[in-house]
Amino acid sequence: MNLSARFHRHELTFDIVDGVAQCLQALGFLLSRWLGSDWRVLSNEALPG
């Protein structure tokens, strides 16, 4: 079965959202270890620019 047929046969929205949420959680964990406790400030300053 190709990917297009799978998308048409199954609702994957929750799977995609779950995958994104897990990636964001892992990224937050890793960034706090790499950049310290102020990683969110650094991230917020870096994203707009």
N, C-alpha and C. Protein backbone atom coordinates (compact mmCIF):
# COMPACT_ATOMS: atom_id res chain seq x y z
N MET A 1 0.85 -1.18 0.00
CA MET A 1 0.00 0.00 0.00
C MET A 1 0.89 1.24 0.00
N ASN A 2 0.61 2.17 -0.90
CA ASN A 2 1.43 3.38 -0.94
C ASN A 2 0.96 4.38 0.13
N LEU A 3 1.74 5.40 0.33
CA LEU A 3 1.49 6.37 1.39
C LEU A 3 0.18 7.13 1.16
N SER A 4 -0.10 7.48 -0.06
CA SER A 4 -1.34 8.20 -0.37
C SER A 4 -2.57 7.39 0.01
N ALA A 5 -2.56 6.12 -0.31
CA ALA A 5 -3.69 5.25 0.04
C ALA A 5 -3.82 5.12 1.55
N ARG A 6 -2.70 5.05 2.24
CA ARG A 6 -2.76 4.94 3.70
C ARG A 6 -3.38 6.20 4.31
N PHE A 7 -3.00 7.38 3.80
CA PHE A 7 -3.59 8.62 4.30
C PHE A 7 -5.10 8.65 4.06
N HIS A 8 -5.53 8.12 2.94
CA HIS A 8 -6.96 8.13 2.64
C HIS A 8 -7.73 7.11 3.48
N ARG A 9 -7.09 6.03 3.87
CA ARG A 9 -7.77 4.98 4.63
C ARG A 9 -7.76 5.22 6.13
N HIS A 10 -6.79 5.96 6.64
CA HIS A 10 -6.64 6.13 8.08
C HIS A 10 -6.53 7.61 8.43
N GLU A 11 -7.07 7.96 9.54
CA GLU A 11 -6.92 9.32 10.05
C GLU A 11 -5.62 9.38 10.83
N LEU A 12 -4.66 10.18 10.37
CA LEU A 12 -3.34 10.23 10.98
C LEU A 12 -3.09 11.52 11.75
N THR A 13 -4.12 12.37 11.87
CA THR A 13 -3.92 13.66 12.53
C THR A 13 -3.36 13.49 13.93
N PHE A 14 -3.95 12.61 14.73
CA PHE A 14 -3.49 12.44 16.10
C PHE A 14 -2.09 11.84 16.16
N ASP A 15 -1.76 10.98 15.22
CA ASP A 15 -0.41 10.42 15.17
C ASP A 15 0.62 11.51 14.87
N ILE A 16 0.29 12.40 13.97
CA ILE A 16 1.20 13.49 13.61
C ILE A 16 1.38 14.44 14.78
N VAL A 17 0.27 14.82 15.41
CA VAL A 17 0.33 15.73 16.56
C VAL A 17 1.12 15.10 17.69
N ASP A 18 0.92 13.82 17.93
CA ASP A 18 1.65 13.12 18.98
C ASP A 18 3.15 13.10 18.68
N GLY A 19 3.51 12.86 17.44
CA GLY A 19 4.92 12.86 17.06
C GLY A 19 5.57 14.22 17.23
N VAL A 20 4.86 15.27 16.86
CA VAL A 20 5.38 16.63 17.03
C VAL A 20 5.54 16.95 18.51
N ALA A 21 4.56 16.58 19.32
CA ALA A 21 4.63 16.84 20.76
C ALA A 21 5.81 16.12 21.40
N GLN A 22 6.06 14.88 20.99
CA GLN A 22 7.18 14.13 21.54
C GLN A 22 8.51 14.76 21.12
N CYS A 23 8.59 15.23 19.89
CA CYS A 23 9.82 15.89 19.43
C CYS A 23 10.08 17.17 20.21
N LEU A 24 9.03 17.96 20.44
CA LEU A 24 9.19 19.20 21.20
C LEU A 24 9.61 18.92 22.64
N GLN A 25 9.06 17.88 23.23
CA GLN A 25 9.43 17.51 24.59
C GLN A 25 10.90 17.08 24.64
N ALA A 26 11.32 16.27 23.70
CA ALA A 26 12.72 15.83 23.65
C ALA A 26 13.65 17.01 23.40
N LEU A 27 13.25 17.92 22.51
CA LEU A 27 14.07 19.09 22.22
C LEU A 27 14.22 19.98 23.46
N GLY A 28 13.14 20.18 24.20
CA GLY A 28 13.20 20.95 25.43
C GLY A 28 14.13 20.31 26.45
N PHE A 29 14.10 19.00 26.55
CA PHE A 29 14.98 18.28 27.47
C PHE A 29 16.44 18.45 27.06
N LEU A 30 16.72 18.28 25.78
CA LEU A 30 18.09 18.39 25.30
C LEU A 30 18.63 19.81 25.38
N LEU A 31 17.80 20.79 25.00
CA LEU A 31 18.26 22.17 25.06
C LEU A 31 18.56 22.62 26.47
N SER A 32 17.78 22.16 27.44
CA SER A 32 18.06 22.53 28.82
C SER A 32 19.39 21.95 29.29
N ARG A 33 19.75 20.78 28.79
CA ARG A 33 21.04 20.18 29.15
C ARG A 33 22.20 20.87 28.44
N TRP A 34 21.98 21.25 27.18
CA TRP A 34 23.05 21.86 26.38
C TRP A 34 23.26 23.33 26.71
N LEU A 35 22.16 24.07 26.92
CA LEU A 35 22.26 25.52 27.05
C LEU A 35 21.99 26.05 28.45
N GLY A 36 21.57 25.18 29.35
CA GLY A 36 21.29 25.62 30.71
C GLY A 36 19.84 26.03 30.89
N SER A 37 19.55 26.59 32.06
CA SER A 37 18.17 26.87 32.42
C SER A 37 17.55 28.02 31.63
N ASP A 38 18.36 28.88 31.02
CA ASP A 38 17.81 30.01 30.27
C ASP A 38 17.68 29.73 28.77
N TRP A 39 17.56 28.47 28.39
CA TRP A 39 17.48 28.11 26.98
C TRP A 39 16.25 28.70 26.30
N ARG A 40 15.17 28.90 27.05
CA ARG A 40 13.95 29.44 26.43
C ARG A 40 14.14 30.89 26.01
N VAL A 41 14.85 31.65 26.82
CA VAL A 41 15.14 33.03 26.47
C VAL A 41 15.99 33.07 25.20
N LEU A 42 16.99 32.23 25.14
CA LEU A 42 17.86 32.17 23.95
C LEU A 42 17.06 31.74 22.72
N SER A 43 16.19 30.78 22.89
CA SER A 43 15.39 30.30 21.78
C SER A 43 14.44 31.38 21.28
N ASN A 44 13.79 32.09 22.19
CA ASN A 44 12.86 33.15 21.80
C ASN A 44 13.57 34.30 21.10
N GLU A 45 14.81 34.58 21.49
CA GLU A 45 15.56 35.63 20.83
C GLU A 45 16.07 35.20 19.46
N ALA A 46 16.37 33.92 19.31
CA ALA A 46 16.92 33.43 18.05
C ALA A 46 15.86 33.20 16.98
N LEU A 47 14.66 32.83 17.36
CA LEU A 47 13.64 32.48 16.37
C LEU A 47 13.18 33.64 15.49
N PRO A 48 12.94 34.84 16.01
CA PRO A 48 12.46 35.91 15.13
C PRO A 48 13.51 36.39 14.12
N GLY A 49 14.79 36.26 14.46
CA GLY A 49 15.84 36.84 13.65
C GLY A 49 16.30 35.99 12.54
